[in-house]
């Protein structure tokens, strides 16, 4: 992760934004959330090409 002077750290070492958001927790949750918009878009494009 890039060093950012606006981020504090929790006792666990997670980065906290000035807004109070736990940046590292959000990143962990995003990894577990499934496909991204672009991944879905690419899968749909591939499946459409296969049917034509």
Protein backbone atom coordinates (compact mmCIF):
# COMPACT_ATOMS: atom_id res chain seq x y z
CA UNK A 1 0.00 0.00 0.00
CA UNK A 2 1.22 3.49 -0.74
CA UNK A 3 2.20 5.55 2.26
CA UNK A 4 -0.41 8.19 2.95
CA UNK A 5 -0.01 10.78 5.67
CA UNK A 6 -3.81 11.03 6.04
CA UNK A 7 -4.11 7.43 7.28
CA UNK A 8 -3.85 6.44 10.92
CA UNK A 9 -3.40 2.85 12.13
CA UNK A 10 -5.43 0.67 14.48
CA UNK A 11 -3.83 -1.57 17.09
CA UNK A 12 -4.20 -4.41 14.56
CA UNK A 13 -2.22 -2.43 11.98
CA UNK A 14 -5.21 -1.57 9.77
CA UNK A 15 -5.24 1.83 8.08
CA UNK A 16 -7.95 4.29 9.08
CA UNK A 17 -8.84 7.17 6.74
CA UNK A 18 -9.48 10.67 8.05
CA UNK A 19 -13.21 9.95 7.55
CA UNK A 20 -12.95 7.08 10.04
CA UNK A 21 -13.19 4.32 7.42
CA UNK A 22 -11.09 1.22 8.06
CA UNK A 23 -9.47 1.00 4.64
CA UNK A 24 -7.96 -2.46 5.11
CA UNK A 25 -11.26 -3.93 6.34
CA UNK A 26 -13.03 -2.56 3.25
CA UNK A 27 -10.38 -4.11 1.00
CA UNK A 28 -10.78 -7.50 2.74
CA UNK A 29 -14.55 -7.36 2.33
CA UNK A 30 -14.24 -6.39 -1.35
CA UNK A 31 -12.05 -9.44 -2.03
CA UNK A 32 -14.79 -11.69 -0.63
CA UNK A 33 -17.71 -9.97 -2.37
CA UNK A 34 -17.62 -11.79 -5.71
CA UNK A 35 -17.16 -10.52 -9.23
CA UNK A 36 -16.46 -6.90 -10.04
CA UNK A 37 -18.53 -4.93 -12.51
CA UNK A 38 -15.80 -5.26 -15.17
CA UNK A 39 -15.46 -9.01 -14.59
CA UNK A 40 -19.21 -9.50 -15.10
CA UNK A 41 -19.16 -7.28 -18.19
CA UNK A 42 -16.30 -9.34 -19.69
CA UNK A 43 -18.00 -12.65 -18.92
CA UNK A 44 -21.20 -11.47 -20.56
CA UNK A 45 -19.30 -10.27 -23.61
CA UNK A 46 -17.51 -13.61 -23.91
CA UNK A 47 -20.70 -15.64 -23.56
CA UNK A 48 -22.46 -13.46 -26.13
CA UNK A 49 -19.62 -13.96 -28.63
CA UNK A 50 -19.83 -17.74 -28.17
CA UNK A 51 -23.51 -17.76 -29.18
CA UNK A 52 -23.04 -15.72 -32.37
